[in-house]
Amino acid sequence: MALLVTPMNFAALPKQYSDYKASKIAVLPIPYDGTATVLKGSDLGPQAILTASTRLTLFDLETNLEVYRQGIYTAPSLPSRNNPIDMIDEVRQQAVPLFRDGKLVVGLGGKHLVSIGLIQAAMERHGDLSVIHFDAHADLRPIDDEAGYGNSSVMSRVHEICDAVQIGIRSMDKEERRKVDLDRMVFARDLQQHGVNAAGDALDMLTDTVYITIDLDVLDPSYMPSVERPEPGGIDWYMLTRLIRQVASEKRIVGLDVIGLVPQPHYPAADFLAAKLIYRVLSMIFSR
């Protein structure tokens, strides 16, 4: 097994605000890229987010909150795994004690498969869990247990674990389209035409306890070009954060992940956006 590597603390917080016992938030970096098919590099995403987080302004203007004062612990980065099933199991094992200790768990990916292990761990602690999934892609392709898991089947597996709603979707194949529950899916085009109201009915289907998974390609490529499979027609920063703030104001959010960043040396703004998004979501959760 590869040695665990301890990354820098999120936002470079001093021990006073990053000690495990005193922290209400736990960040788990998961540098997995084993199932990338188009563009490699998402295994570098967690470290890029942590690096960018050191440049955050720790007072959040939108919520008037300094959420770092709740304590943000950064766990050792998970070791690399070639087999996706082994990786998912490793993520679950590492995340279970974090949820058990009452932490709000933040996963940093990595490919979207890391979400499965995190959601499995959350379910062990919160039996009434539901998932809100922000993504450009439906990820509803069939699961092939013999060939292993693919990123395009992530939500097929999640739907076996708990209920979920999907927001911002604008790409799927014909087979996926046959499986879609239109009551639980909000297309990006509808958000563009009708704003956050387009998601109202779907958000009402969430249980009181919620896990959020955010594939950064839910954002339009003009905002977030540093992803493996960018899709035109995505939502913008304000739409995404407005939707999450609505959920945070009504539900108990116990965990989240931000995945899919493929860092580009010539465009560090994307790394900072990902770090800022995490900090903003945490601020919205704790401002409730």
C-alpha atoms as a PDB file:
ATOM      1  CA  MET A   1       0.000   0.000   0.000  1.00  0.00           C
ATOM      2  CA  ALA A   2       1.217   3.468  -0.832  1.00  0.00           C
ATOM      3  CA  LEU A   3       2.060   5.702   2.102  1.00  0.00           C
ATOM      4  CA  LEU A   4      -0.539   8.260   3.064  1.00  0.00           C
ATOM      5  CA  VAL A   5       0.545  11.765   2.173  1.00  0.00           C
ATOM      6  CA  THR A   6      -0.561  14.582   4.447  1.00  0.00           C
ATOM      7  CA  PRO A   7      -1.525  17.583   2.319  1.00  0.00           C
ATOM      8  CA  MET A   8      -1.505  21.155   3.477  1.00  0.00           C
ATOM      9  CA  ASN A   9      -4.462  22.149   5.613  1.00  0.00           C
ATOM     10  CA  PHE A  10      -7.423  23.583   3.766  1.00  0.00           C
ATOM     11  CA  ALA A  11      -6.967  27.379   3.700  1.00  0.00           C
ATOM     12  CA  ALA A  12      -3.638  26.895   5.513  1.00  0.00           C
ATOM     13  CA  LEU A  13      -5.468  27.142   8.820  1.00  0.00           C
ATOM     14  CA  PRO A  14      -3.415  27.046  12.019  1.00  0.00           C
ATOM     15  CA  LYS A  15      -3.861  24.156  14.434  1.00  0.00           C
ATOM     16  CA  GLN A  16      -6.359  26.134  16.474  1.00  0.00           C
ATOM     17  CA  TYR A  17      -8.807  25.833  13.562  1.00  0.00           C
ATOM     18  CA  SER A  18      -7.641  22.573  11.970  1.00  0.00           C
ATOM     19  CA  ASP A  19      -7.360  20.173  14.918  1.00  0.00           C
ATOM     20  CA  TYR A  20      -9.478  17.066  14.408  1.00  0.00           C
ATOM     21  CA  LYS A  21     -11.285  16.988  17.738  1.00  0.00           C
ATOM     22  CA  ALA A  22     -12.169  20.676  17.659  1.00  0.00           C
ATOM     23  CA  SER A  23     -13.263  20.764  14.015  1.00  0.00           C
ATOM     24  CA  LYS A  24     -16.849  20.360  12.833  1.00  0.00           C
ATOM     25  CA  ILE A  25     -15.707  19.925   9.216  1.00  0.00           C
ATOM     26  CA  ALA A  26     -13.404  17.230   7.802  1.00  0.00           C
ATOM     27  CA  VAL A  27     -11.852  17.489   4.325  1.00  0.00           C
ATOM     28  CA  LEU A  28     -10.870  14.183   2.683  1.00  0.00           C
ATOM     29  CA  PRO A  29      -8.646  14.460  -0.442  1.00  0.00           C
ATOM     30  CA  ILE A  30      -9.149  11.529  -2.848  1.00  0.00           C
ATOM     31  CA  PRO A  31      -6.744  11.768  -5.827  1.00  0.00           C
ATOM     32  CA  TYR A  32      -8.290   9.063  -8.009  1.00  0.00           C
ATOM     33  CA  ASP A  33      -8.056   9.188 -11.807  1.00  0.00           C
ATOM     34  CA  GLY A  34      -8.109   5.500 -12.709  1.00  0.00           C
ATOM     35  CA  THR A  35     -11.221   5.601 -14.873  1.00  0.00           C
ATOM     36  CA  ALA A  36     -10.475   8.737 -16.922  1.00  0.00           C
ATOM     37  CA  THR A  37     -11.118   8.075 -20.621  1.00  0.00           C
ATOM     38  CA  VAL A  38     -10.725  11.466 -22.282  1.00  0.00           C
ATOM     39  CA  LEU A  39      -8.345  13.646 -20.282  1.00  0.00           C
ATOM     40  CA  LYS A  40      -6.122  12.481 -17.421  1.00  0.00           C
ATOM     41  CA  GLY A  41      -5.248  14.695 -14.501  1.00  0.00           C
ATOM     42  CA  SER A  42      -8.175  14.770 -12.075  1.00  0.00           C
ATOM     43  CA  ASP A  43      -5.972  12.999  -9.534  1.00  0.00           C
ATOM     44  CA  LEU A  44      -4.163  16.338  -9.285  1.00  0.00           C
ATOM     45  CA  GLY A  45      -7.414  18.122  -8.466  1.00  0.00           C
ATOM     46  CA  PRO A  46      -7.426  17.703  -4.670  1.00  0.00           C
ATOM     47  CA  GLN A  47      -3.962  19.161  -4.229  1.00  0.00           C
ATOM     48  CA  ALA A  48      -4.760  22.009  -6.638  1.00  0.00           C
ATOM     49  CA  ILE A  49      -7.855  22.862  -4.588  1.00  0.00           C
ATOM     50  CA  LEU A  50      -5.899  22.796  -1.339  1.00  0.00           C
ATOM     51  CA  THR A  51      -3.206  25.014  -2.829  1.00  0.00           C
ATOM     52  CA  ALA A  52      -5.782  27.474  -4.159  1.00  0.00           C
ATOM     53  CA  SER A  53      -7.574  27.499  -0.799  1.00  0.00           C
ATOM     54  CA  THR A  54      -4.579  29.206   0.786  1.00  0.00           C
ATOM     55  CA  ARG A  55      -5.571  32.340  -1.194  1.00  0.00           C
ATOM     56  CA  LEU A  56      -9.143  32.480   0.080  1.00  0.00           C
ATOM     57  CA  THR A  57     -10.488  35.493   1.911  1.00  0.00           C
ATOM     58  CA  LEU A  58     -11.809  33.868   5.057  1.00  0.00           C
ATOM     59  CA  PHE A  59     -14.687  36.292   5.597  1.00  0.00           C
ATOM     60  CA  ASP A  60     -17.541  35.249   3.312  1.00  0.00           C
ATOM     61  CA  LEU A  61     -19.305  38.357   2.046  1.00  0.00           C
ATOM     62  CA  GLU A  62     -22.513  36.594   1.017  1.00  0.00           C
ATOM     63  CA  THR A  63     -23.178  35.045   4.433  1.00  0.00           C
ATOM     64  CA  ASN A  64     -21.282  37.472   6.708  1.00  0.00           C
ATOM     65  CA  LEU A  65     -19.588  34.445   8.233  1.00  0.00           C
ATOM     66  CA  GLU A  66     -16.071  33.242   8.984  1.00  0.00           C
ATOM     67  CA  VAL A  67     -16.851  29.566   8.684  1.00  0.00           C
ATOM     68  CA  TYR A  68     -13.255  28.512   9.335  1.00  0.00           C
ATOM     69  CA  ARG A  69     -13.968  29.252  13.014  1.00  0.00           C
ATOM     70  CA  GLN A  70     -16.075  26.072  13.038  1.00  0.00           C
ATOM     71  CA  GLY A  71     -12.805  24.183  12.473  1.00  0.00           C
ATOM     72  CA  ILE A  72     -11.753  22.565   9.195  1.00  0.00           C
ATOM     73  CA  TYR A  73      -9.617  19.448   9.580  1.00  0.00           C
ATOM     74  CA  THR A  74      -7.762  18.126   6.528  1.00  0.00           C
ATOM     75  CA  ALA A  75      -7.251  14.351   6.503  1.00  0.00           C
ATOM     76  CA  PRO A  76      -4.299  12.597   4.889  1.00  0.00           C
ATOM     77  CA  SER A  77      -4.739  12.098   1.162  1.00  0.00           C
ATOM     78  CA  LEU A  78      -5.949   8.607   0.291  1.00  0.00           C
ATOM     79  CA  PRO A  79      -3.441   6.303  -1.411  1.00  0.00           C
ATOM     80  CA  SER A  80      -3.758   5.627  -5.121  1.00  0.00           C
ATOM     81  CA  ARG A  81      -5.797   2.564  -6.123  1.00  0.00           C
ATOM     82  CA  ASN A  82      -5.881   1.078  -9.620  1.00  0.00           C
ATOM     83  CA  ASN A  83      -9.069  -0.933  -9.130  1.00  0.00           C
ATOM     84  CA  PRO A  84     -12.141   1.304  -8.825  1.00  0.00           C
ATOM     85  CA  ILE A  85     -13.969  -1.127  -6.530  1.00  0.00           C
ATOM     86  CA  ASP A  86     -10.974  -1.195  -4.163  1.00  0.00           C
ATOM     87  CA  MET A  87     -10.865   2.597  -4.277  1.00  0.00           C
ATOM     88  CA  ILE A  88     -14.555   2.924  -3.415  1.00  0.00           C
ATOM     89  CA  ASP A  89     -14.124   0.572  -0.470  1.00  0.00           C
ATOM     90  CA  GLU A  90     -11.068   2.512   0.756  1.00  0.00           C
ATOM     91  CA  VAL A  91     -13.012   5.781   0.576  1.00  0.00           C
ATOM     92  CA  ARG A  92     -15.888   4.267   2.524  1.00  0.00           C
ATOM     93  CA  GLN A  93     -13.579   2.923   5.229  1.00  0.00           C
ATOM     94  CA  GLN A  94     -11.844   6.274   5.634  1.00  0.00           C
ATOM     95  CA  ALA A  95     -15.082   8.279   5.619  1.00  0.00           C
ATOM     96  CA  VAL A  96     -17.124   6.131   8.027  1.00  0.00           C
ATOM     97  CA  PRO A  97     -15.321   7.329  11.190  1.00  0.00           C
ATOM     98  CA  LEU A  98     -15.550  10.944  10.030  1.00  0.00           C
ATOM     99  CA  PHE A  99     -19.343  10.719   9.734  1.00  0.00           C
ATOM    100  CA  ARG A 100     -19.513   8.669  12.938  1.00  0.00           C
ATOM    101  CA  ASP A 101     -17.712  11.467  14.800  1.00  0.00           C
ATOM    102  CA  GLY A 102     -20.306  13.959  13.593  1.00  0.00           C
ATOM    103  CA  LYS A 103     -18.106  15.771  11.084  1.00  0.00           C
ATOM    104  CA  LEU A 104     -19.487  17.448   8.005  1.00  0.00           C
ATOM    105  CA  VAL A 105     -17.413  15.560   5.443  1.00  0.00           C
ATOM    106  CA  VAL A 106     -16.038  17.270   2.329  1.00  0.00           C
ATOM    107  CA  GLY A 107     -14.596  14.955  -0.342  1.00  0.00           C
ATOM    108  CA  LEU A 108     -12.129  16.355  -2.860  1.00  0.00           C
ATOM    109  CA  GLY A 109     -11.933  14.397  -6.125  1.00  0.00           C
ATOM    110  CA  GLY A 110     -10.719  12.920  -8.264  1.00  0.00           C
ATOM    111  CA  LYS A 111     -13.143  11.153 -10.567  1.00  0.00           C
ATOM    112  CA  HIS A 112     -16.835  10.963  -9.743  1.00  0.00           C
ATOM    113  CA  LEU A 113     -16.583   7.365  -8.570  1.00  0.00           C
ATOM    114  CA  VAL A 114     -15.203   8.627  -5.253  1.00  0.00           C
ATOM    115  CA  SER A 115     -18.722   9.858  -4.452  1.00  0.00           C
ATOM    116  CA  ILE A 116     -20.003   6.292  -4.122  1.00  0.00           C
ATOM    117  CA  GLY A 117     -17.758   5.471  -1.167  1.00  0.00           C
ATOM    118  CA  LEU A 118     -18.577   8.779   0.505  1.00  0.00           C
ATOM    119  CA  ILE A 119     -22.331   8.287   0.079  1.00  0.00           C
ATOM    120  CA  GLN A 120     -22.101   4.706   1.364  1.00  0.00           C
ATOM    121  CA  ALA A 121     -20.334   6.015   4.467  1.00  0.00           C
ATOM    122  CA  ALA A 122     -22.904   8.761   4.945  1.00  0.00           C
ATOM    123  CA  MET A 123     -25.707   6.196   4.725  1.00  0.00           C
ATOM    124  CA  GLU A 124     -24.171   4.175   7.556  1.00  0.00           C
ATOM    125  CA  ARG A 125     -24.579   7.211   9.810  1.00  0.00           C
ATOM    126  CA  HIS A 126     -27.727   8.794   8.328  1.00  0.00           C
ATOM    127  CA  GLY A 127     -30.345   6.289   7.256  1.00  0.00           C
ATOM    128  CA  ASP A 128     -32.739   8.910   5.896  1.00  0.00           C
ATOM    129  CA  LEU A 129     -30.188  10.307   3.438  1.00  0.00           C
ATOM    130  CA  SER A 130     -30.930  11.623  -0.043  1.00  0.00           C
ATOM    131  CA  VAL A 131     -28.496  12.997  -2.625  1.00  0.00           C
ATOM    132  CA  ILE A 132     -28.555  16.107  -4.786  1.00  0.00           C
ATOM    133  CA  HIS A 133     -26.330  15.666  -7.815  1.00  0.00           C
ATOM    134  CA  PHE A 134     -25.045  18.637  -9.835  1.00  0.00           C
ATOM    135  CA  ASP A 135     -23.558  17.560 -13.164  1.00  0.00           C
ATOM    136  CA  ALA A 136     -23.573  18.101 -16.913  1.00  0.00           C
ATOM    137  CA  HIS A 137     -23.952  14.346 -17.460  1.00  0.00           C
ATOM    138  CA  ALA A 138     -26.676  11.993 -16.277  1.00  0.00           C
ATOM    139  CA  ASP A 139     -24.206   9.213 -15.322  1.00  0.00           C
ATOM    140  CA  LEU A 140     -26.996   6.615 -15.545  1.00  0.00           C
ATOM    141  CA  ARG A 141     -25.324   4.001 -17.728  1.00  0.00           C
ATOM    142  CA  PRO A 142     -25.526   0.344 -16.641  1.00  0.00           C
ATOM    143  CA  ILE A 143     -23.116  -1.012 -14.035  1.00  0.00           C
ATOM    144  CA  ASP A 144     -20.837  -3.767 -15.292  1.00  0.00           C
ATOM    145  CA  ASP A 145     -19.501  -5.519 -12.204  1.00  0.00           C
ATOM    146  CA  GLU A 146     -17.154  -7.696 -14.241  1.00  0.00           C
ATOM    147  CA  ALA A 147     -15.537  -4.836 -16.137  1.00  0.00           C
ATOM    148  CA  GLY A 148     -15.554  -2.634 -13.075  1.00  0.00           C
ATOM    149  CA  TYR A 149     -17.236   0.664 -12.500  1.00  0.00           C
ATOM    150  CA  GLY A 150     -17.214   3.599 -14.858  1.00  0.00           C
ATOM    151  CA  ASN A 151     -17.810   7.256 -14.124  1.00  0.00           C
ATOM    152  CA  SER A 152     -20.831   7.212 -16.420  1.00  0.00           C
ATOM    153  CA  SER A 153     -22.599   4.722 -14.128  1.00  0.00           C
ATOM    154  CA  VAL A 154     -22.097   6.607 -10.856  1.00  0.00           C
ATOM    155  CA  MET A 155     -25.701   7.667 -10.436  1.00  0.00           C
ATOM    156  CA  SER A 156     -26.960   4.206 -11.345  1.00  0.00           C
ATOM    157  CA  ARG A 157     -25.141   2.982  -8.248  1.00  0.00           C
ATOM    158  CA  VAL A 158     -26.222   5.939  -6.109  1.00  0.00           C
ATOM    159  CA  HIS A 159     -29.874   5.252  -6.955  1.00  0.00           C
ATOM    160  CA  GLU A 160     -29.339   1.753  -5.507  1.00  0.00           C
ATOM    161  CA  ILE A 161     -28.103   3.306  -2.251  1.00  0.00           C
ATOM    162  CA  CYS A 162     -30.646   6.069  -1.688  1.00  0.00           C
ATOM    163  CA  ASP A 163     -32.977   8.506  -3.433  1.00  0.00           C
ATOM    164  CA  ALA A 164     -31.423  11.293  -5.499  1.00  0.00           C
ATOM    165  CA  VAL A 165     -32.295  14.299  -7.627  1.00  0.00           C
ATOM    166  CA  GLN A 166     -30.124  15.523 -10.511  1.00  0.00           C
ATOM    167  CA  ILE A 167     -29.604  19.163 -11.446  1.00  0.00           C
ATOM    168  CA  GLY A 168     -28.023  20.859 -14.469  1.00  0.00           C
ATOM    169  CA  ILE A 169     -28.038  17.833 -16.773  1.00  0.00           C
ATOM    170  CA  ARG A 170     -27.499  18.423 -20.480  1.00  0.00           C
ATOM    171  CA  SER A 171     -25.868  15.251 -21.823  1.00  0.00           C
ATOM    172  CA  MET A 172     -26.870  11.579 -21.890  1.00  0.00           C
ATOM    173  CA  ASP A 173     -27.164   8.715 -24.345  1.00  0.00           C
ATOM    174  CA  LYS A 174     -30.360   7.101 -25.603  1.00  0.00           C
ATOM    175  CA  GLU A 175     -30.240   4.227 -23.118  1.00  0.00           C
ATOM    176  CA  GLU A 176     -29.853   6.642 -20.206  1.00  0.00           C
ATOM    177  CA  ARG A 177     -32.799   8.681 -21.458  1.00  0.00           C
ATOM    178  CA  ARG A 178     -35.052   5.655 -21.069  1.00  0.00           C
ATOM    179  CA  LYS A 179     -34.102   5.410 -17.377  1.00  0.00           C
ATOM    180  CA  VAL A 180     -34.652   9.062 -16.467  1.00  0.00           C
ATOM    181  CA  ASP A 181     -37.196   9.952 -13.815  1.00  0.00           C
ATOM    182  CA  LEU A 182     -38.191  13.380 -15.103  1.00  0.00           C
ATOM    183  CA  ASP A 183     -39.613  14.342 -11.715  1.00  0.00           C
ATOM    184  CA  ARG A 184     -36.133  13.978 -10.221  1.00  0.00           C
ATOM    185  CA  MET A 185     -34.100  15.555 -13.015  1.00  0.00           C
ATOM    186  CA  VAL A 186     -33.730  19.253 -13.816  1.00  0.00           C
ATOM    187  CA  PHE A 187     -32.181  20.078 -17.171  1.00  0.00           C
ATOM    188  CA  ALA A 188     -29.797  22.986 -17.580  1.00  0.00           C
ATOM    189  CA  ARG A 189     -32.006  24.455 -20.305  1.00  0.00           C
ATOM    190  CA  ASP A 190     -34.928  24.719 -17.879  1.00  0.00           C
ATOM    191  CA  LEU A 191     -32.764  26.510 -15.307  1.00  0.00           C
ATOM    192  CA  GLN A 192     -31.674  28.954 -17.998  1.00  0.00           C
ATOM    193  CA  GLN A 193     -35.287  29.630 -18.992  1.00  0.00           C
ATOM    194  CA  HIS A 194     -37.032  29.617 -15.620  1.00  0.00           C
ATOM    195  CA  GLY A 195     -34.308  30.156 -12.999  1.00  0.00           C
ATOM    196  CA  VAL A 196     -34.207  28.360  -9.651  1.00  0.00           C
ATOM    197  CA  ASN A 197     -37.982  27.836  -9.778  1.00  0.00           C
ATOM    198  CA  ALA A 198     -37.371  25.112 -12.363  1.00  0.00           C
ATOM    199  CA  ALA A 199     -35.820  22.985  -9.600  1.00  0.00           C
ATOM    200  CA  GLY A 200     -38.522  23.542  -6.989  1.00  0.00           C
ATOM    201  CA  ASP A 201     -40.445  20.305  -7.402  1.00  0.00           C
ATOM    202  CA  ALA A 202     -37.295  18.189  -7.547  1.00  0.00           C
ATOM    203  CA  LEU A 203     -35.817  19.806  -4.431  1.00  0.00           C
ATOM    204  CA  ASP A 204     -39.063  19.096  -2.572  1.00  0.00           C
ATOM    205  CA  MET A 205     -38.343  15.375  -3.065  1.00  0.00           C
ATOM    206  CA  LEU A 206     -35.194  15.519  -0.959  1.00  0.00           C
ATOM    207  CA  THR A 207     -35.342  14.077   2.539  1.00  0.00           C
ATOM    208  CA  ASP A 208     -34.449  16.236   5.522  1.00  0.00           C
ATOM    209  CA  THR A 209     -30.876  14.897   5.495  1.00  0.00           C
ATOM    210  CA  VAL A 210     -28.914  15.602   2.325  1.00  0.00           C
ATOM    211  CA  TYR A 211     -25.568  14.829   0.725  1.00  0.00           C
ATOM    212  CA  ILE A 212     -24.398  17.077  -2.138  1.00  0.00           C
ATOM    213  CA  THR A 213     -22.190  15.868  -4.983  1.00  0.00           C
ATOM    214  CA  ILE A 214     -20.910  18.501  -7.413  1.00  0.00           C
ATOM    215  CA  ASP A 215     -19.205  17.599 -10.664  1.00  0.00           C
ATOM    216  CA  LEU A 216     -17.608  20.873 -11.712  1.00  0.00           C
ATOM    217  CA  ASP A 217     -18.664  20.347 -15.328  1.00  0.00           C
ATOM    218  CA  VAL A 218     -22.173  21.367 -14.233  1.00  0.00           C
ATOM    219  CA  LEU A 219     -20.821  24.884 -14.730  1.00  0.00           C
ATOM    220  CA  ASP A 220     -20.601  26.283 -18.233  1.00  0.00           C
ATOM    221  CA  PRO A 221     -17.099  25.844 -19.746  1.00  0.00           C
ATOM    222  CA  SER A 222     -16.754  29.624 -19.858  1.00  0.00           C
ATOM    223  CA  TYR A 223     -16.635  29.457 -16.046  1.00  0.00           C
ATOM    224  CA  MET A 224     -15.021  26.041 -15.613  1.00  0.00           C
ATOM    225  CA  PRO A 225     -12.961  24.833 -18.597  1.00  0.00           C
ATOM    226  CA  SER A 226     -10.687  22.596 -16.476  1.00  0.00           C
ATOM    227  CA  VAL A 227     -12.741  19.387 -16.614  1.00  0.00           C
ATOM    228  CA  GLU A 228     -12.458  16.141 -18.540  1.00  0.00           C
ATOM    229  CA  ARG A 229     -15.672  16.473 -20.571  1.00  0.00           C
ATOM    230  CA  PRO A 230     -16.853  20.097 -20.825  1.00  0.00           C
ATOM    231  CA  GLU A 231     -20.398  20.587 -22.130  1.00  0.00           C
ATOM    232  CA  PRO A 232     -21.768  23.884 -23.489  1.00  0.00           C
ATOM    233  CA  GLY A 233     -24.930  25.338 -22.027  1.00  0.00           C
ATOM    234  CA  GLY A 234     -24.069  24.990 -18.359  1.00  0.00           C
ATOM    235  CA  ILE A 235     -25.213  27.068 -15.404  1.00  0.00           C
ATOM    236  CA  ASP A 236     -23.200  29.878 -13.864  1.00  0.00           C
ATOM    237  CA  TRP A 237     -21.741  30.512 -10.406  1.00  0.00           C
ATOM    238  CA  TYR A 238     -24.756  32.422  -9.113  1.00  0.00           C
ATOM    239  CA  MET A 239     -27.274  29.835 -10.264  1.00  0.00           C
ATOM    240  CA  LEU A 240     -25.300  27.012  -8.650  1.00  0.00           C
ATOM    241  CA  THR A 241     -24.777  28.767  -5.330  1.00  0.00           C
ATOM    242  CA  ARG A 242     -28.395  30.001  -5.255  1.00  0.00           C
ATOM    243  CA  LEU A 243     -29.653  26.438  -5.638  1.00  0.00           C
ATOM    244  CA  ILE A 244     -27.338  25.143  -2.932  1.00  0.00           C
ATOM    245  CA  ARG A 245     -28.265  27.970  -0.593  1.00  0.00           C
ATOM    246  CA  GLN A 246     -31.929  27.055  -1.013  1.00  0.00           C
ATOM    247  CA  VAL A 247     -31.160  23.465  -0.031  1.00  0.00           C
ATOM    248  CA  ALA A 248     -28.960  24.587   2.873  1.00  0.00           C
ATOM    249  CA  SER A 249     -31.736  26.812   4.219  1.00  0.00           C
ATOM    250  CA  GLU A 250     -34.251  23.965   4.309  1.00  0.00           C
ATOM    251  CA  LYS A 251     -32.280  20.751   4.803  1.00  0.00           C
ATOM    252  CA  ARG A 252     -29.568  19.326   6.997  1.00  0.00           C
ATOM    253  CA  ILE A 253     -26.490  18.848   4.817  1.00  0.00           C
ATOM    254  CA  VAL A 254     -24.160  16.221   6.291  1.00  0.00           C
ATOM    255  CA  GLY A 255     -21.607  15.849   3.511  1.00  0.00           C
ATOM    256  CA  LEU A 256     -20.542  16.996   0.089  1.00  0.00           C
ATOM    257  CA  ASP A 257     -17.952  16.405  -2.564  1.00  0.00           C
ATOM    258  CA  VAL A 258     -16.505  18.522  -5.336  1.00  0.00           C
ATOM    259  CA  ILE A 259     -15.003  16.455  -8.112  1.00  0.00           C
ATOM    260  CA  GLY A 260     -13.809  16.598 -11.697  1.00  0.00           C
ATOM    261  CA  LEU A 261     -11.190  19.343 -11.596  1.00  0.00           C
ATOM    262  CA  VAL A 262      -8.389  18.715 -14.106  1.00  0.00           C
ATOM    263  CA  PRO A 263      -5.898  21.464 -13.213  1.00  0.00           C
ATOM    264  CA  GLN A 264      -4.372  23.424 -16.072  1.00  0.00           C
ATOM    265  CA  PRO A 265      -1.109  25.273 -15.290  1.00  0.00           C
ATOM    266  CA  HIS A 266      -2.100  28.164 -17.563  1.00  0.00           C
ATOM    267  CA  TYR A 267      -5.530  28.603 -15.914  1.00  0.00           C
ATOM    268  CA  PRO A 268      -5.287  28.544 -12.093  1.00  0.00           C
ATOM    269  CA  ALA A 269      -8.570  30.490 -11.832  1.00  0.00           C
ATOM    270  CA  ALA A 270     -10.463  27.186 -12.092  1.00  0.00           C
ATOM    271  CA  ASP A 271      -8.614  25.813  -9.059  1.00  0.00           C
ATOM    272  CA  PHE A 272      -9.544  28.899  -7.066  1.00  0.00           C
ATOM    273  CA  LEU A 273     -13.188  28.649  -8.175  1.00  0.00           C
ATOM    274  CA  ALA A 274     -13.340  25.092  -6.821  1.00  0.00           C
ATOM    275  CA  ALA A 275     -11.809  26.124  -3.496  1.00  0.00           C
ATOM    276  CA  LYS A 276     -14.091  29.159  -3.231  1.00  0.00           C
ATOM    277  CA  LEU A 277     -17.126  27.018  -4.039  1.00  0.00           C
ATOM    278  CA  ILE A 278     -16.339  24.656  -1.169  1.00  0.00           C
ATOM    279  CA  TYR A 279     -15.846  27.536   1.252  1.00  0.00           C
ATOM    280  CA  ARG A 280     -19.041  29.243   0.082  1.00  0.00           C
ATOM    281  CA  VAL A 281     -21.080  26.037   0.475  1.00  0.00           C
ATOM    282  CA  LEU A 282     -19.701  25.532   3.987  1.00  0.00           C
ATOM    283  CA  SER A 283     -20.550  29.137   4.798  1.00  0.00           C
ATOM    284  CA  MET A 284     -24.113  28.658   3.572  1.00  0.00           C
ATOM    285  CA  ILE A 285     -24.515  25.460   5.604  1.00  0.00           C
ATOM    286  CA  PHE A 286     -23.305  26.996   8.852  1.00  0.00           C
ATOM    287  CA  SER A 287     -25.155  30.283   8.344  1.00  0.00           C
ATOM    288  CA  ARG A 288     -28.479  28.458   8.711  1.00  0.00           C
END
